[in-house]
Structures are given as C-alpha cells and as structure tokens.
Amino acid sequence: MIGYRRGTSAYAKRGADVSEEIRAEMVANVWKVVAKAGDQVSEGDTLVILESMKMEIPVIAESDGILGELAVNEGDVVQEGDLIATIE
C-alpha cells in the first residue's frame, strides 16, 4: 500500500509487547481522519486518508487492535517518516 509504512520500536526487537507504528512514506496532506484514538480497529480498516498529487491514499490498519495514538489532524502535512498512528 502506498502512503505509509509500519514500524516498531526497539522494544519490539527485544520481544516486548509494544505498539505498532504507522508512518508516512511520502510527503502528503492529511485529507480526512476516519478513526479516532481509542477505537477498536481491524486489519484493513481505513484510519486516515492522505492526499498527494491529487490522489487519495488510504492509510489502513495492518493488524487488529486499539488505535492508541492518532498523531495527525485534517489539514496537516506529513513528511516521509512522520508518525501517523499507533495500534496497541
């Protein structure tokens, strides 16, 4: 999926139970925020819709869980590598 990448903290590499981080893969505008912190999400659910070069790019959950943090708001500009959300 274009527009985001998953990442984990250093704790995950040690086997600790941590959040999944969803980060931007490109510079884009946050066009629409679909979910909110605390929502139960399932794999494939749309969390945010980004807009870049007149294309809408959905950012989807890659796993089931609770949306722990939503680090963007509608109208924000994200840079490559910026945190979009975490799923716990």
PDB file of N, CA and C in Angstrom:
ATOM      1  N   MET A   1       0.858  -1.179   0.000  1.00  0.00           N
ATOM      2  CA  MET A   1       0.000   0.000   0.000  1.00  0.00           C
ATOM      3  C   MET A   1       0.891   1.224   0.000  1.00  0.00           C
ATOM      4  N   ILE A   2       0.640   2.128  -0.863  1.00  0.00           N
ATOM      5  CA  ILE A   2       1.383   3.376  -0.940  1.00  0.00           C
ATOM      6  C   ILE A   2       0.945   4.285   0.189  1.00  0.00           C
ATOM      7  N   GLY A   3       1.872   5.051   0.737  1.00  0.00           N
ATOM      8  CA  GLY A   3       1.496   6.118   1.649  1.00  0.00           C
ATOM      9  C   GLY A   3       1.872   5.908   3.094  1.00  0.00           C
ATOM     10  N   TYR A   4       2.198   4.729   3.498  1.00  0.00           N
ATOM     11  CA  TYR A   4       2.559   4.522   4.883  1.00  0.00           C
ATOM     12  C   TYR A   4       3.509   3.345   5.002  1.00  0.00           C
ATOM     13  N   ARG A   5       4.133   3.251   6.144  1.00  0.00           N
ATOM     14  CA  ARG A   5       4.940   2.072   6.426  1.00  0.00           C
ATOM     15  C   ARG A   5       4.786   1.733   7.896  1.00  0.00           C
ATOM     16  N   ARG A   6       4.889   0.468   8.169  1.00  0.00           N
ATOM     17  CA  ARG A   6       4.805   0.014   9.549  1.00  0.00           C
ATOM     18  C   ARG A   6       6.179   0.066  10.165  1.00  0.00           C
ATOM     19  N   GLY A   7       6.212   0.265  11.448  1.00  0.00           N
ATOM     20  CA  GLY A   7       7.478   0.254  12.150  1.00  0.00           C
ATOM     21  C   GLY A   7       7.249  -0.172  13.584  1.00  0.00           C
ATOM     22  N   THR A   8       8.298  -0.595  14.219  1.00  0.00           N
ATOM     23  CA  THR A   8       8.191  -0.961  15.620  1.00  0.00           C
ATOM     24  C   THR A   8       9.361  -0.338  16.360  1.00  0.00           C
ATOM     25  N   SER A   9       9.171  -0.146  17.625  1.00  0.00           N
ATOM     26  CA  SER A   9      10.239   0.445  18.426  1.00  0.00           C
ATOM     27  C   SER A   9      11.321  -0.584  18.722  1.00  0.00           C
ATOM     28  N   ALA A  10      12.376  -0.149  19.334  1.00  0.00           N
ATOM     29  CA  ALA A  10      13.473  -1.039  19.698  1.00  0.00           C
ATOM     30  C   ALA A  10      12.999  -2.115  20.670  1.00  0.00           C
ATOM     31  N   TYR A  11      11.983  -1.805  21.468  1.00  0.00           N
ATOM     32  CA  TYR A  11      11.467  -2.790  22.417  1.00  0.00           C
ATOM     33  C   TYR A  11      10.929  -4.025  21.703  1.00  0.00           C
ATOM     34  N   ALA A  12      10.319  -3.843  20.538  1.00  0.00           N
ATOM     35  CA  ALA A  12       9.758  -4.968  19.801  1.00  0.00           C
ATOM     36  C   ALA A  12      10.855  -5.937  19.385  1.00  0.00           C
ATOM     37  N   LYS A  13      12.011  -5.412  19.099  1.00  0.00           N
ATOM     38  CA  LYS A  13      13.115  -6.268  18.689  1.00  0.00           C
ATOM     39  C   LYS A  13      13.600  -7.137  19.847  1.00  0.00           C
ATOM     40  N   ARG A  14      13.271  -6.719  21.066  1.00  0.00           N
ATOM     41  CA  ARG A  14      13.643  -7.498  22.244  1.00  0.00           C
ATOM     42  C   ARG A  14      12.508  -8.406  22.696  1.00  0.00           C
ATOM     43  N   GLY A  15      11.371  -8.399  21.951  1.00  0.00           N
ATOM     44  CA  GLY A  15      10.288  -9.302  22.288  1.00  0.00           C
ATOM     45  C   GLY A  15       9.241  -8.707  23.213  1.00  0.00           C
ATOM     46  N   ALA A  16       9.340  -7.445  23.589  1.00  0.00           N
ATOM     47  CA  ALA A  16       8.350  -6.833  24.466  1.00  0.00           C
ATOM     48  C   ALA A  16       7.072  -6.545  23.689  1.00  0.00           C
ATOM     49  N   ASP A  17       5.946  -6.491  24.400  1.00  0.00           N
ATOM     50  CA  ASP A  17       4.664  -6.184  23.786  1.00  0.00           C
ATOM     51  C   ASP A  17       4.544  -4.671  23.642  1.00  0.00           C
ATOM     52  N   VAL A  18       4.626  -4.164  22.410  1.00  0.00           N
ATOM     53  CA  VAL A  18       4.591  -2.725  22.168  1.00  0.00           C
ATOM     54  C   VAL A  18       3.631  -2.406  21.039  1.00  0.00           C
ATOM     55  N   SER A  19       3.445  -1.127  20.821  1.00  0.00           N
ATOM     56  CA  SER A  19       2.545  -0.657  19.779  1.00  0.00           C
ATOM     57  C   SER A  19       3.175  -0.793  18.400  1.00  0.00           C
ATOM     58  N   GLU A  20       2.322  -0.963  17.415  1.00  0.00           N
ATOM     59  CA  GLU A  20       2.729  -0.911  16.015  1.00  0.00           C
ATOM     60  C   GLU A  20       2.645   0.544  15.584  1.00  0.00           C
ATOM     61  N   GLU A  21       3.675   1.043  14.959  1.00  0.00           N
ATOM     62  CA  GLU A  21       3.687   2.424  14.485  1.00  0.00           C
ATOM     63  C   GLU A  21       3.379   2.446  12.994  1.00  0.00           C
ATOM     64  N   ILE A  22       2.534   3.368  12.596  1.00  0.00           N
ATOM     65  CA  ILE A  22       2.229   3.575  11.190  1.00  0.00           C
ATOM     66  C   ILE A  22       2.805   4.936  10.827  1.00  0.00           C
ATOM     67  N   ARG A  23       3.710   4.957   9.853  1.00  0.00           N
ATOM     68  CA  ARG A  23       4.427   6.179   9.478  1.00  0.00           C
ATOM     69  C   ARG A  23       4.205   6.496   8.004  1.00  0.00           C
ATOM     70  N   ALA A  24       4.294   7.770   7.672  1.00  0.00           N
ATOM     71  CA  ALA A  24       4.128   8.222   6.287  1.00  0.00           C
ATOM     72  C   ALA A  24       5.308   7.765   5.444  1.00  0.00           C
ATOM     73  N   GLU A  25       5.021   7.384   4.211  1.00  0.00           N
ATOM     74  CA  GLU A  25       6.077   7.006   3.276  1.00  0.00           C
ATOM     75  C   GLU A  25       6.403   8.106   2.294  1.00  0.00           C
ATOM     76  N   MET A  26       5.619   9.171   2.326  1.00  0.00           N
ATOM     77  CA  MET A  26       5.828  10.267   1.381  1.00  0.00           C
ATOM     78  C   MET A  26       5.274  11.552   1.977  1.00  0.00           C
ATOM     79  N   VAL A  27       5.606  12.650   1.372  1.00  0.00           N
ATOM     80  CA  VAL A  27       5.027  13.930   1.752  1.00  0.00           C
ATOM     81  C   VAL A  27       3.586  13.953   1.250  1.00  0.00           C
ATOM     82  N   ALA A  28       2.643  14.290   2.130  1.00  0.00           N
ATOM     83  CA  ALA A  28       1.228  14.311   1.748  1.00  0.00           C
ATOM     84  C   ALA A  28       0.454  15.193   2.717  1.00  0.00           C
ATOM     85  N   ASN A  29      -0.732  15.581   2.285  1.00  0.00           N
ATOM     86  CA  ASN A  29      -1.667  16.301   3.148  1.00  0.00           C
ATOM     87  C   ASN A  29      -2.616  15.299   3.780  1.00  0.00           C
ATOM     88  N   VAL A  30      -2.977  15.531   5.038  1.00  0.00           N
ATOM     89  CA  VAL A  30      -3.989  14.702   5.685  1.00  0.00           C
ATOM     90  C   VAL A  30      -5.336  15.250   5.223  1.00  0.00           C
ATOM     91  N   TRP A  31      -5.989  14.506   4.345  1.00  0.00           N
ATOM     92  CA  TRP A  31      -7.247  14.957   3.766  1.00  0.00           C
ATOM     93  C   TRP A  31      -8.421  14.673   4.694  1.00  0.00           C
ATOM     94  N   LYS A  32      -8.452  13.454   5.265  1.00  0.00           N
ATOM     95  CA  LYS A  32      -9.560  13.087   6.141  1.00  0.00           C
ATOM     96  C   LYS A  32      -9.080  12.119   7.217  1.00  0.00           C
ATOM     97  N   VAL A  33      -9.512  12.362   8.454  1.00  0.00           N
ATOM     98  CA  VAL A  33      -9.251  11.447   9.560  1.00  0.00           C
ATOM     99  C   VAL A  33     -10.520  10.630   9.757  1.00  0.00           C
ATOM    100  N   VAL A  34     -10.412   9.313   9.627  1.00  0.00           N
ATOM    101  CA  VAL A  34     -11.574   8.434   9.676  1.00  0.00           C
ATOM    102  C   VAL A  34     -11.776   7.847  11.070  1.00  0.00           C
ATOM    103  N   ALA A  35     -10.692   7.482  11.747  1.00  0.00           N
ATOM    104  CA  ALA A  35     -10.769   6.851  13.064  1.00  0.00           C
ATOM    105  C   ALA A  35     -10.310   7.829  14.137  1.00  0.00           C
ATOM    106  N   LYS A  36     -10.552   7.472  15.397  1.00  0.00           N
ATOM    107  CA  LYS A  36     -10.084   8.314  16.499  1.00  0.00           C
ATOM    108  C   LYS A  36      -9.414   7.433  17.550  1.00  0.00           C
ATOM    109  N   ALA A  37      -8.555   8.049  18.349  1.00  0.00           N
ATOM    110  CA  ALA A  37      -7.840   7.316  19.401  1.00  0.00           C
ATOM    111  C   ALA A  37      -8.844   6.592  20.282  1.00  0.00           C
ATOM    112  N   GLY A  38      -8.533   5.363  20.611  1.00  0.00           N
ATOM    113  CA  GLY A  38      -9.402   4.546  21.445  1.00  0.00           C
ATOM    114  C   GLY A  38     -10.324   3.631  20.664  1.00  0.00           C
ATOM    115  N   ASP A  39     -10.436   3.845  19.349  1.00  0.00           N
ATOM    116  CA  ASP A  39     -11.284   2.987  18.510  1.00  0.00           C
ATOM    117  C   ASP A  39     -10.684   1.597  18.390  1.00  0.00           C
ATOM    118  N   GLN A  40     -11.552   0.599  18.370  1.00  0.00           N
ATOM    119  CA  GLN A  40     -11.144  -0.766  18.049  1.00  0.00           C
ATOM    120  C   GLN A  40     -11.016  -0.835  16.530  1.00  0.00           C
ATOM    121  N   VAL A  41      -9.872  -1.275  16.018  1.00  0.00           N
ATOM    122  CA  VAL A  41      -9.669  -1.375  14.578  1.00  0.00           C
ATOM    123  C   VAL A  41      -9.316  -2.805  14.202  1.00  0.00           C
ATOM    124  N   SER A  42      -9.668  -3.162  12.986  1.00  0.00           N
ATOM    125  CA  SER A  42      -9.362  -4.478  12.446  1.00  0.00           C
ATOM    126  C   SER A  42      -8.440  -4.317  11.253  1.00  0.00           C
ATOM    127  N   GLU A  43      -7.707  -5.353  10.946  1.00  0.00           N
ATOM    128  CA  GLU A  43      -6.825  -5.329   9.786  1.00  0.00           C
ATOM    129  C   GLU A  43      -7.628  -4.917   8.557  1.00  0.00           C
ATOM    130  N   GLY A  44      -7.134  -3.932   7.822  1.00  0.00           N
ATOM    131  CA  GLY A  44      -7.805  -3.465   6.617  1.00  0.00           C
ATOM    132  C   GLY A  44      -8.682  -2.240   6.813  1.00  0.00           C
ATOM    133  N   ASP A  45      -8.951  -1.853   8.074  1.00  0.00           N
ATOM    134  CA  ASP A  45      -9.744  -0.647   8.331  1.00  0.00           C
ATOM    135  C   ASP A  45      -8.962   0.600   7.914  1.00  0.00           C
ATOM    136  N   THR A  46      -9.658   1.564   7.313  1.00  0.00           N
ATOM    137  CA  THR A  46      -9.029   2.832   6.954  1.00  0.00           C
ATOM    138  C   THR A  46      -8.956   3.720   8.184  1.00  0.00           C
ATOM    139  N   LEU A  47      -7.770   4.251   8.468  1.00  0.00           N
ATOM    140  CA  LEU A  47      -7.564   5.133   9.614  1.00  0.00           C
ATOM    141  C   LEU A  47      -7.568   6.600   9.188  1.00  0.00           C
ATOM    142  N   VAL A  48      -6.876   6.890   8.110  1.00  0.00           N
ATOM    143  CA  VAL A  48      -6.675   8.256   7.629  1.00  0.00           C
ATOM    144  C   VAL A  48      -6.619   8.182   6.103  1.00  0.00           C
ATOM    145  N   ILE A  49      -7.031   9.264   5.448  1.00  0.00           N
ATOM    146  CA  ILE A  49      -6.862   9.356   4.001  1.00  0.00           C
ATOM    147  C   ILE A  49      -5.924  10.529   3.717  1.00  0.00           C
ATOM    148  N   LEU A  50      -4.825  10.214   3.052  1.00  0.00           N
ATOM    149  CA  LEU A  50      -3.854  11.231   2.669  1.00  0.00           C
ATOM    150  C   LEU A  50      -4.149  11.680   1.239  1.00  0.00           C
ATOM    151  N   GLU A  51      -3.670  12.859   0.885  1.00  0.00           N
ATOM    152  CA  GLU A  51      -3.802  13.374  -0.476  1.00  0.00           C
ATOM    153  C   GLU A  51      -2.425  13.835  -0.931  1.00  0.00           C
ATOM    154  N   SER A  52      -2.019  13.333  -2.086  1.00  0.00           N
ATOM    155  CA  SER A  52      -0.750  13.744  -2.667  1.00  0.00           C
ATOM    156  C   SER A  52      -0.892  13.718  -4.179  1.00  0.00           C
ATOM    157  N   MET A  53      -0.522  14.796  -4.814  1.00  0.00           N
ATOM    158  CA  MET A  53      -0.584  14.906  -6.266  1.00  0.00           C
ATOM    159  C   MET A  53      -1.981  14.562  -6.784  1.00  0.00           C
ATOM    160  N   LYS A  54      -3.002  15.066  -6.089  1.00  0.00           N
ATOM    161  CA  LYS A  54      -4.416  14.894  -6.441  1.00  0.00           C
ATOM    162  C   LYS A  54      -4.889  13.447  -6.368  1.00  0.00           C
ATOM    163  N   MET A  55      -4.152  12.600  -5.652  1.00  0.00           N
ATOM    164  CA  MET A  55      -4.570  11.216  -5.438  1.00  0.00           C
ATOM    165  C   MET A  55      -4.908  11.027  -3.970  1.00  0.00           C
ATOM    166  N   GLU A  56      -5.976  10.276  -3.689  1.00  0.00           N
ATOM    167  CA  GLU A  56      -6.329   9.922  -2.321  1.00  0.00           C
ATOM    168  C   GLU A  56      -5.650   8.605  -1.975  1.00  0.00           C
ATOM    169  N   ILE A  57      -4.978   8.589  -0.836  1.00  0.00           N
ATOM    170  CA  ILE A  57      -4.207   7.425  -0.420  1.00  0.00           C
ATOM    171  C   ILE A  57      -4.687   6.981   0.949  1.00  0.00           C
ATOM    172  N   PRO A  58      -5.427   5.865   1.035  1.00  0.00           N
ATOM    173  CA  PRO A  58      -5.884   5.410   2.345  1.00  0.00           C
ATOM    174  C   PRO A  58      -4.732   4.813   3.157  1.00  0.00           C
ATOM    175  N   VAL A  59      -4.715   5.141   4.430  1.00  0.00           N
ATOM    176  CA  VAL A  59      -3.767   4.538   5.370  1.00  0.00           C
ATOM    177  C   VAL A  59      -4.587   3.528   6.162  1.00  0.00           C
ATOM    178  N   ILE A  60      -4.226   2.267   6.043  1.00  0.00           N
ATOM    179  CA  ILE A  60      -5.034   1.212   6.648  1.00  0.00           C
ATOM    180  C   ILE A  60      -4.310   0.543   7.810  1.00  0.00           C
ATOM    181  N   ALA A  61      -5.117  -0.055   8.693  1.00  0.00           N
ATOM    182  CA  ALA A  61      -4.566  -0.833   9.808  1.00  0.00           C
ATOM    183  C   ALA A  61      -4.037  -2.148   9.254  1.00  0.00           C
ATOM    184  N   GLU A  62      -2.840  -2.502   9.653  1.00  0.00           N
ATOM    185  CA  GLU A  62      -2.229  -3.756   9.223  1.00  0.00           C
ATOM    186  C   GLU A  62      -2.466  -4.879  10.224  1.00  0.00           C
ATOM    187  N   SER A  63      -3.081  -4.553  11.356  1.00  0.00           N
ATOM    188  CA  SER A  63      -3.362  -5.567  12.365  1.00  0.00           C
ATOM    189  C   SER A  63      -4.574  -5.144  13.183  1.00  0.00           C
ATOM    190  N   ASP A  64      -5.144  -6.082  13.914  1.00  0.00           N
ATOM    191  CA  ASP A  64      -6.254  -5.791  14.823  1.00  0.00           C
ATOM    192  C   ASP A  64      -5.701  -5.164  16.095  1.00  0.00           C
ATOM    193  N   GLY A  65      -6.494  -4.293  16.715  1.00  0.00           N
ATOM    194  CA  GLY A  65      -6.078  -3.702  17.987  1.00  0.00           C
ATOM    195  C   GLY A  65      -6.857  -2.449  18.302  1.00  0.00           C
ATOM    196  N   ILE A  66      -6.323  -1.697  19.243  1.00  0.00           N
ATOM    197  CA  ILE A  66      -6.906  -0.420  19.662  1.00  0.00           C
ATOM    198  C   ILE A  66      -6.032   0.696  19.100  1.00  0.00           C
ATOM    199  N   LEU A  67      -6.656   1.685  18.496  1.00  0.00           N
ATOM    200  CA  LEU A  67      -5.908   2.839  17.996  1.00  0.00           C
ATOM    201  C   LEU A  67      -5.453   3.641  19.198  1.00  0.00           C
ATOM    202  N   GLY A  68      -4.162   3.535  19.512  1.00  0.00           N
ATOM    203  CA  GLY A  68      -3.619   4.152  20.720  1.00  0.00           C
ATOM    204  C   GLY A  68      -3.388   5.642  20.580  1.00  0.00           C
ATOM    205  N   GLU A  69      -2.767   6.034  19.497  1.00  0.00           N
ATOM    206  CA  GLU A  69      -2.448   7.444  19.270  1.00  0.00           C
ATOM    207  C   GLU A  69      -2.728   7.765  17.820  1.00  0.00           C
ATOM    208  N   LEU A  70      -3.356   8.884  17.589  1.00  0.00           N
ATOM    209  CA  LEU A  70      -3.530   9.413  16.242  1.00  0.00           C
ATOM    210  C   LEU A  70      -2.773  10.726  16.225  1.00  0.00           C
ATOM    211  N   ALA A  71      -1.649  10.743  15.543  1.00  0.00           N
ATOM    212  CA  ALA A  71      -0.709  11.864  15.636  1.00  0.00           C
ATOM    213  C   ALA A  71      -0.948  12.950  14.593  1.00  0.00           C
ATOM    214  N   VAL A  72      -2.028  12.840  13.806  1.00  0.00           N
ATOM    215  CA  VAL A  72      -2.300  13.825  12.756  1.00  0.00           C
ATOM    216  C   VAL A  72      -3.731  14.344  12.863  1.00  0.00           C
ATOM    217  N   ASN A  73      -3.940  15.503  12.266  1.00  0.00           N
ATOM    218  CA  ASN A  73      -5.267  16.106  12.164  1.00  0.00           C
ATOM    219  C   ASN A  73      -5.520  16.456  10.708  1.00  0.00           C
ATOM    220  N   GLU A  74      -6.800  16.601  10.357  1.00  0.00           N
ATOM    221  CA  GLU A  74      -7.130  17.012   8.999  1.00  0.00           C
ATOM    222  C   GLU A  74      -6.439  18.339   8.685  1.00  0.00           C
ATOM    223  N   GLY A  75      -5.858  18.427   7.505  1.00  0.00           N
ATOM    224  CA  GLY A  75      -5.156  19.632   7.086  1.00  0.00           C
ATOM    225  C   GLY A  75      -3.665  19.622   7.367  1.00  0.00           C
ATOM    226  N   ASP A  76      -3.199  18.690   8.198  1.00  0.00           N
ATOM    227  CA  ASP A  76      -1.767  18.596   8.480  1.00  0.00           C
ATOM    228  C   ASP A  76      -1.010  18.151   7.225  1.00  0.00           C
ATOM    229  N   VAL A  77       0.251  18.483   7.183  1.00  0.00           N
ATOM    230  CA  VAL A  77       1.152  17.983   6.144  1.00  0.00           C
ATOM    231  C   VAL A  77       2.114  17.029   6.835  1.00  0.00           C
ATOM    232  N   VAL A  78       2.220  15.813   6.303  1.00  0.00           N
ATOM    233  CA  VAL A  78       3.160  14.842   6.854  1.00  0.00           C
ATOM    234  C   VAL A  78       4.350  14.705   5.915  1.00  0.00           C
ATOM    235  N   GLN A  79       5.492  14.512   6.517  1.00  0.00           N
ATOM    236  CA  GLN A  79       6.731  14.282   5.781  1.00  0.00           C
ATOM    237  C   GLN A  79       7.051  12.788   5.831  1.00  0.00           C
ATOM    238  N   GLU A  80       7.886  12.334   4.947  1.00  0.00           N
ATOM    239  CA  GLU A  80       8.300  10.934   4.952  1.00  0.00           C
ATOM    240  C   GLU A  80       8.848  10.567   6.328  1.00  0.00           C
ATOM    241  N   GLY A  81       8.324   9.491   6.909  1.00  0.00           N
ATOM    242  CA  GLY A  81       8.773   9.017   8.212  1.00  0.00           C
ATOM    243  C   GLY A  81       7.994   9.556   9.396  1.00  0.00           C
ATOM    244  N   ASP A  82       7.118  10.543   9.190  1.00  0.00           N
ATOM    245  CA  ASP A  82       6.321  11.089  10.300  1.00  0.00           C
ATOM    246  C   ASP A  82       5.344  10.044  10.832  1.00  0.00           C
ATOM    247  N   LEU A  83       5.162  10.045  12.137  1.00  0.00           N
ATOM    248  CA  LEU A  83       4.210   9.142  12.768  1.00  0.00           C
ATOM    249  C   LEU A  83       2.795   9.570  12.425  1.00  0.00           C
ATOM    250  N   ILE A  84       1.985   8.604  11.980  1.00  0.00           N
ATOM    251  CA  ILE A  84       0.572   8.858  11.710  1.00  0.00           C
ATOM    252  C   ILE A  84      -0.263   8.320  12.863  1.00  0.00           C
ATOM    253  N   ALA A  85      -0.005   7.076  13.258  1.00  0.00           N
ATOM    254  CA  ALA A  85      -0.809   6.459  14.312  1.00  0.00           C
ATOM    255  C   ALA A  85      -0.061   5.282  14.925  1.00  0.00           C
ATOM    256  N   THR A  86      -0.558   4.850  16.096  1.00  0.00           N
ATOM    257  CA  THR A  86      -0.066   3.611  16.708  1.00  0.00           C
ATOM    258  C   THR A  86      -1.268   2.716  16.984  1.00  0.00           C
ATOM    259  N   ILE A  87      -1.038   1.430  16.864  1.00  0.00           N
ATOM    260  CA  ILE A  87      -2.065   0.433  17.189  1.00  0.00           C
ATOM    261  C   ILE A  87      -1.511  -0.433  18.295  1.00  0.00           C
ATOM    262  N   GLU A  88      -2.261  -0.537  19.361  1.00  0.00           N
ATOM    263  CA  GLU A  88      -1.823  -1.323  20.524  1.00  0.00           C
ATOM    264  C   GLU A  88      -2.495  -2.670  20.541  1.00  0.00           C
TER     265      GLU A  88
END
